[in-house]
């Protein structure tokens, strides 16, 4: 019975869609398609390539959304209707690319967004109208799980494996990764958000300074460009950066200094608990560009992350002494950790 109901539902859906295609004008069909495909959150276009280390979360991808929607399957809606529906899906939703280095591959590739027989091939560059691109000043060095022989090797650097190093990207290559945007044939009204990810104020402002030429070119071409700071929760800085390109560097520095006065970061000395203060101080040495307020939150959630890695017994002894001083019996009872 369930199989018969499924077959009947599939046939009825296909007949309805074919009737709509012949009796409704395209403008009216587009309204129906827009209602079907609308999603309130940005949709990642990285799909299976997205990783936790690169984005901070696994994200909401094409596959997550489309795999659950029957309108994306030609067997239910017909191939021509499916083509029209996916075109509206690309035009009306906001998509997020978690690394600008993948922009060329995403735009230039015509691919099926649902891996089923008969799925139409679409080139995103022809249809996308709203895009968020994350610009990363560095990238994590790819990690491989250590082999058993690695772990048994006395010279194996556990600290290096557990704390992967980030590789800085050359500024010219970073901005070259945005060049595929100028292949878009419909830049007028194209909404573009460039979200910069950096590990310090100095790194962020260096990226901003280097972006001036490409920002001006994007604006002159017709793009609606917004620039934001994608790591504002880690680095004490303003979130909206578009104003950087609309004033001199001296005026921008004055704006930032005024922000620091109005919204000061927490000082390590103001942390009352000695154990917490020690952890935050240790974390600040590892991540000097991060805000104290963020480090306080992070060390309370993951205190073991900031105990450090030590090369010999003397370093371990020093760590133990520091911990003993931080957690004396007289202060342990008031420890908030």
Protein backbone atom coordinates (compact mmCIF):
# COMPACT_ATOMS: atom_id res chain seq x y z
CA UNK A 1 0.00 0.00 0.00
CA UNK A 2 2.79 2.45 0.89
CA UNK A 3 4.45 1.80 -2.46
CA UNK A 4 1.20 2.42 -4.32
CA UNK A 5 0.63 5.69 -2.46
CA UNK A 6 4.17 6.82 -3.29
CA UNK A 7 3.70 6.01 -6.99
CA UNK A 8 0.35 7.82 -7.06
CA UNK A 9 1.82 10.87 -5.30
CA UNK A 10 4.76 11.02 -7.69
CA UNK A 11 2.52 10.78 -10.77
CA UNK A 12 0.08 13.38 -9.43
CA UNK A 13 2.91 15.79 -8.64
CA UNK A 14 4.36 15.39 -12.13
CA UNK A 15 0.96 15.96 -13.78
CA UNK A 16 0.34 19.08 -11.69
CA UNK A 17 3.74 20.55 -12.55
CA UNK A 18 3.30 19.87 -16.25
CA UNK A 19 -0.10 21.56 -16.17
CA UNK A 20 1.38 24.56 -14.37
CA UNK A 21 4.14 24.80 -17.00
CA UNK A 22 1.62 25.02 -19.85
CA UNK A 23 -1.06 27.20 -18.21
CA UNK A 24 0.90 29.64 -16.00
CA UNK A 25 3.11 32.36 -17.47
CA UNK A 26 6.78 32.27 -16.41
CA UNK A 27 6.33 35.29 -14.14
CA UNK A 28 3.65 33.52 -12.12
CA UNK A 29 5.61 30.28 -12.04
CA UNK A 30 8.59 32.21 -10.69
CA UNK A 31 6.49 33.40 -7.74
CA UNK A 32 5.61 29.79 -6.94
CA UNK A 33 9.23 28.70 -7.32
CA UNK A 34 10.46 31.52 -5.08
CA UNK A 35 8.04 30.45 -2.36
CA UNK A 36 9.19 26.83 -2.66
CA UNK A 37 12.92 27.51 -2.59
CA UNK A 38 13.21 30.41 -0.12
CA UNK A 39 15.60 29.80 2.75
CA UNK A 40 16.15 32.29 5.57
CA UNK A 41 19.80 31.36 6.21
CA UNK A 42 22.83 31.57 3.88
CA UNK A 43 23.53 28.28 2.17
CA UNK A 44 27.10 27.02 1.97
CA UNK A 45 28.31 26.10 -1.50
CA UNK A 46 31.30 24.15 -0.23
CA UNK A 47 29.29 20.95 0.20
CA UNK A 48 31.50 18.02 1.16
CA UNK A 49 34.70 20.09 0.91
CA UNK A 50 33.84 22.18 3.95
CA UNK A 51 35.70 21.17 7.11
CA UNK A 52 35.39 22.12 10.74
CA UNK A 53 38.89 23.59 10.87
CA UNK A 54 38.25 25.89 7.93
CA UNK A 55 34.85 27.25 8.82
CA UNK A 56 34.28 26.70 12.52
CA UNK A 57 31.19 24.63 11.75
CA UNK A 58 30.05 22.13 9.19
CA UNK A 59 27.59 24.59 7.75
CA UNK A 60 24.30 24.30 5.89
CA UNK A 61 25.01 23.11 2.38
CA UNK A 62 23.37 22.53 -0.98
CA UNK A 63 23.02 18.87 -0.13
CA UNK A 64 21.36 19.57 3.23
CA UNK A 65 18.69 21.70 1.59
CA UNK A 66 18.07 20.21 -1.84
CA UNK A 67 18.27 16.54 -0.88
CA UNK A 68 15.08 17.00 1.16
CA UNK A 69 13.13 18.88 -1.53
CA UNK A 70 11.15 16.95 -4.12
CA UNK A 71 11.06 20.02 -6.39
CA UNK A 72 14.75 19.41 -7.16
CA UNK A 73 14.06 15.97 -8.64
CA UNK A 74 13.06 15.82 -12.34
CA UNK A 75 11.11 12.61 -11.76
CA UNK A 76 8.63 14.55 -9.59
CA UNK A 77 8.39 17.92 -11.35
CA UNK A 78 9.66 17.29 -14.88
CA UNK A 79 13.03 18.28 -16.28
CA UNK A 80 12.01 21.71 -17.62
CA UNK A 81 10.27 22.66 -14.38
CA UNK A 82 13.25 21.44 -12.38
CA UNK A 83 15.54 23.64 -14.46
CA UNK A 84 13.36 26.70 -13.80
CA UNK A 85 13.04 25.94 -10.09
CA UNK A 86 16.79 25.59 -9.59
CA UNK A 87 17.42 28.81 -11.50
CA UNK A 88 15.16 30.67 -9.04
CA UNK A 89 16.80 28.81 -6.16
CA UNK A 90 20.16 30.24 -7.23
CA UNK A 91 18.84 33.72 -7.98
CA UNK A 92 16.85 34.38 -4.81
CA UNK A 93 18.85 32.73 -2.02
CA UNK A 94 22.06 33.93 -0.39
CA UNK A 95 25.05 31.62 -0.72
CA UNK A 96 28.21 31.49 1.34
CA UNK A 97 31.64 30.47 0.08
CA UNK A 98 33.88 29.65 3.04
CA UNK A 99 37.12 30.39 1.20
CA UNK A 100 37.69 32.88 -1.63
CA UNK A 101 40.20 30.45 -3.16
CA UNK A 102 37.25 28.26 -4.20
CA UNK A 103 35.41 31.01 -6.04
CA UNK A 104 36.77 30.13 -9.48
CA UNK A 105 35.89 26.46 -9.16
CA UNK A 106 32.39 27.24 -7.96
CA UNK A 107 31.57 29.82 -10.63
CA UNK A 108 33.10 28.12 -13.63
CA UNK A 109 31.66 24.68 -13.07
CA UNK A 110 28.33 23.64 -14.51
CA UNK A 111 27.12 20.85 -12.25
CA UNK A 112 23.97 19.10 -11.07
CA UNK A 113 23.01 20.28 -7.60
CA UNK A 114 21.17 17.04 -6.92
CA UNK A 115 22.93 13.81 -7.85
CA UNK A 116 19.97 12.05 -9.48
CA UNK A 117 19.41 10.90 -13.08
CA UNK A 118 18.29 13.70 -15.38
CA UNK A 119 19.21 16.55 -13.02
CA UNK A 120 19.89 19.73 -15.02
CA UNK A 121 23.37 21.20 -15.27
CA UNK A 122 23.60 24.80 -14.09
CA UNK A 123 26.53 27.21 -13.95
CA UNK A 124 26.16 29.29 -10.75
CA UNK A 125 27.91 32.28 -12.34
CA UNK A 126 24.87 32.71 -14.62
CA UNK A 127 22.27 32.85 -11.84
CA UNK A 128 23.63 33.69 -8.37
CA UNK A 129 22.73 37.22 -7.21
CA UNK A 130 23.62 37.18 -3.50
CA UNK A 131 26.95 35.89 -2.25
CA UNK A 132 29.03 35.94 0.94
CA UNK A 133 32.74 35.24 0.44
CA UNK A 134 35.07 34.63 3.36
CA UNK A 135 38.57 36.02 2.82
CA UNK A 136 41.16 34.13 4.84
CA UNK A 137 44.55 35.67 5.51
CA UNK A 138 45.97 32.26 6.30
CA UNK A 139 44.99 28.63 6.01
CA UNK A 140 45.52 25.65 8.26
CA UNK A 141 48.21 23.27 7.13
CA UNK A 142 46.42 20.05 6.18
CA UNK A 143 46.62 17.43 8.89
CA UNK A 144 46.92 13.68 8.59
CA UNK A 145 46.39 11.32 11.47
CA UNK A 146 49.76 10.09 12.75
CA UNK A 147 50.58 6.49 12.01
CA UNK A 148 51.43 3.99 14.72
CA UNK A 149 55.12 4.23 13.76
CA UNK A 150 54.91 8.03 14.14
CA UNK A 151 53.49 7.71 17.63
CA UNK A 152 56.18 5.20 18.61
CA UNK A 153 58.93 7.48 17.32
CA UNK A 154 60.67 9.21 20.24
CA UNK A 155 61.25 12.31 18.07
CA UNK A 156 57.61 12.68 16.99
CA UNK A 157 56.46 16.25 17.65
CA UNK A 158 53.10 15.83 19.37
CA UNK A 159 52.76 19.55 19.98
CA UNK A 160 53.11 20.34 16.26
CA UNK A 161 50.46 17.79 15.37
CA UNK A 162 48.01 18.92 18.06
CA UNK A 163 48.61 22.62 17.32
CA UNK A 164 48.57 22.80 13.49
CA UNK A 165 50.37 25.81 12.08
CA UNK A 166 48.56 28.31 9.89
CA UNK A 167 50.22 29.21 6.61
CA UNK A 168 49.97 32.92 5.67
CA UNK A 169 48.70 33.66 2.18
CA UNK A 170 50.44 36.20 -0.07
CA UNK A 171 48.29 39.31 -0.38
CA UNK A 172 48.48 39.34 -4.19
CA UNK A 173 47.23 35.75 -4.39
CA UNK A 174 44.51 36.54 -1.86
CA UNK A 175 43.06 39.30 -4.04
CA UNK A 176 43.62 37.34 -7.24
CA UNK A 177 41.18 34.78 -5.82
CA UNK A 178 38.40 37.39 -6.23
CA UNK A 179 39.04 37.97 -9.94
CA UNK A 180 36.32 35.51 -11.09
CA UNK A 181 33.77 38.04 -9.81
CA UNK A 182 34.53 40.18 -12.84
CA UNK A 183 33.34 37.37 -15.13
CA UNK A 184 29.78 37.90 -13.87
CA UNK A 185 27.59 39.31 -16.63
CA UNK A 186 25.01 40.82 -14.27
CA UNK A 187 27.04 42.86 -11.72
CA UNK A 188 24.43 45.62 -11.46
CA UNK A 189 22.60 45.02 -8.21
CA UNK A 190 24.65 41.92 -7.33
CA UNK A 191 24.85 41.87 -3.50
CA UNK A 192 28.30 40.85 -2.32
CA UNK A 193 29.54 40.55 1.25
CA UNK A 194 33.28 40.10 1.80
CA UNK A 195 33.84 38.68 5.29
CA UNK A 196 37.47 38.99 6.34
CA UNK A 197 38.95 36.45 8.74
CA UNK A 198 42.16 37.52 10.48
CA UNK A 199 44.01 36.66 13.68
CA UNK A 200 44.99 40.17 14.78
CA UNK A 201 44.24 43.84 14.21
CA UNK A 202 47.49 44.24 12.26
CA UNK A 203 46.65 41.36 9.92
CA UNK A 204 43.11 42.65 9.39
CA UNK A 205 44.18 46.20 8.59
CA UNK A 206 46.86 44.92 6.24
CA UNK A 207 44.23 42.99 4.29
CA UNK A 208 41.94 46.03 4.23
CA UNK A 209 44.68 48.29 2.91
CA UNK A 210 45.49 45.84 0.14
CA UNK A 211 41.80 45.54 -0.78
CA UNK A 212 41.35 49.20 -1.73
CA UNK A 213 41.93 48.73 -5.50
CA UNK A 214 39.69 45.68 -5.89
CA UNK A 215 36.96 47.24 -3.71
CA UNK A 216 36.91 50.34 -5.92
CA UNK A 217 36.80 48.21 -9.05
CA UNK A 218 33.89 46.14 -7.70
CA UNK A 219 31.93 49.28 -6.83
CA UNK A 220 32.65 50.85 -10.22
CA UNK A 221 31.47 47.66 -11.94
CA UNK A 222 28.09 47.88 -10.20
CA UNK A 223 28.36 45.44 -7.29
CA UNK A 224 26.66 46.28 -3.98
CA UNK A 225 29.64 45.56 -1.74
CA UNK A 226 29.66 45.17 2.04
CA UNK A 227 32.85 44.37 3.94
CA UNK A 228 32.62 42.83 7.40
CA UNK A 229 34.96 41.33 9.98
CA UNK A 230 34.18 37.63 10.29
CA UNK A 231 36.22 37.13 13.47
CA UNK A 232 34.81 40.00 15.52
CA UNK A 233 34.02 37.64 18.39
CA UNK A 234 37.76 36.87 18.74
CA UNK A 235 39.42 40.18 17.90
CA UNK A 236 38.39 43.41 19.61
CA UNK A 237 37.39 45.45 16.56
CA UNK A 238 34.36 46.83 14.75
CA UNK A 239 32.27 44.43 12.69
CA UNK A 240 31.31 46.64 9.75
CA UNK A 241 34.36 47.62 7.70
CA UNK A 242 32.89 49.22 4.57
CA UNK A 243 33.62 52.66 6.01
CA UNK A 244 37.35 51.91 5.78
CA UNK A 245 37.18 52.40 2.01
CA UNK A 246 35.20 55.63 2.25
CA UNK A 247 37.66 57.64 4.33
CA UNK A 248 41.40 58.18 4.77
CA UNK A 249 43.51 55.86 6.89
CA UNK A 250 43.99 58.62 9.47
CA UNK A 251 40.23 59.11 9.81
CA UNK A 252 39.70 55.35 10.12
CA UNK A 253 42.32 55.05 12.87
CA UNK A 254 40.51 57.83 14.75
CA UNK A 255 37.21 55.95 14.39
CA UNK A 256 38.77 52.77 15.78
CA UNK A 257 40.43 54.53 18.71
CA UNK A 258 37.10 56.16 19.58
CA UNK A 259 35.49 52.71 19.48
CA UNK A 260 38.14 51.32 21.85
CA UNK A 261 37.41 54.15 24.28
CA UNK A 262 33.65 53.60 24.10
CA UNK A 263 33.88 49.77 24.13
CA UNK A 264 37.11 48.83 25.94
CA UNK A 265 38.34 45.26 26.07
CA UNK A 266 38.64 43.50 29.41
CA UNK A 267 42.05 43.81 31.11
CA UNK A 268 43.75 40.65 32.39
CA UNK A 269 44.39 42.41 35.70
CA UNK A 270 40.63 42.80 36.17
CA UNK A 271 40.08 39.03 36.29
CA UNK A 272 39.54 38.32 39.99
CA UNK A 273 40.20 34.58 40.12
CA UNK A 274 43.97 33.82 40.05
CA UNK A 275 43.56 30.46 38.32
CA UNK A 276 41.45 31.94 35.55
CA UNK A 277 43.82 34.88 35.28
CA UNK A 278 46.74 32.49 34.81
CA UNK A 279 44.93 30.55 32.06
CA UNK A 280 43.96 33.72 30.20
CA UNK A 281 47.51 35.06 30.48
CA UNK A 282 48.88 31.80 29.08
CA UNK A 283 46.31 31.85 26.28
CA UNK A 284 47.21 35.46 25.44
CA UNK A 285 50.81 34.38 24.85
CA UNK A 286 49.62 31.77 22.35
CA UNK A 287 47.07 34.08 20.69
CA UNK A 288 48.31 37.66 21.20
CA UNK A 289 45.81 39.15 18.77
CA UNK A 290 42.72 37.73 20.47
CA UNK A 291 40.65 39.84 22.85
CA UNK A 292 40.90 39.16 26.58
CA UNK A 293 37.12 38.95 26.80
CA UNK A 294 37.04 36.15 24.22
CA UNK A 295 39.99 34.35 25.80
CA UNK A 296 38.23 34.44 29.16
CA UNK A 297 35.19 32.76 27.68
CA UNK A 298 37.26 30.26 25.73
CA UNK A 299 39.52 29.25 28.62
CA UNK A 300 36.51 28.64 30.82
CA UNK A 301 35.03 26.35 28.18
CA UNK A 302 38.29 24.59 27.23
CA UNK A 303 40.85 25.09 30.04
CA UNK A 304 43.01 22.17 28.91
CA UNK A 305 43.61 23.86 25.56
CA UNK A 306 45.84 26.45 27.20
CA UNK A 307 47.91 24.36 29.60
CA UNK A 308 50.69 24.49 26.97
CA UNK A 309 53.12 21.95 25.51
CA UNK A 310 56.51 21.53 27.15
CA UNK A 311 59.76 20.15 25.88
CA UNK A 312 61.45 18.85 29.02
CA UNK A 313 60.95 18.07 32.69
CA UNK A 314 62.02 21.55 33.82
CA UNK A 315 59.19 23.09 31.81
CA UNK A 316 56.75 20.60 33.30
CA UNK A 317 58.00 21.43 36.81
CA UNK A 318 57.53 25.13 36.10
CA UNK A 319 54.00 24.49 34.88
CA UNK A 320 53.20 22.57 38.07
CA UNK A 321 54.59 25.37 40.24
CA UNK A 322 52.48 27.91 38.39
CA UNK A 323 49.39 25.82 38.87
CA UNK A 324 50.13 25.30 42.57
CA UNK A 325 50.52 29.05 43.03
CA UNK A 326 47.31 29.69 41.14
CA UNK A 327 45.30 27.14 43.11
CA UNK A 328 46.48 27.61 46.70
CA UNK A 329 44.05 26.16 49.31
CA UNK A 330 43.19 29.69 50.45
CA UNK A 331 41.95 30.65 46.99
CA UNK A 332 40.71 27.31 45.67
CA UNK A 333 37.32 27.65 47.33
CA UNK A 334 36.63 30.87 45.48
CA UNK A 335 37.74 29.51 42.13
CA UNK A 336 34.96 29.91 39.57
CA UNK A 337 36.28 27.30 37.18
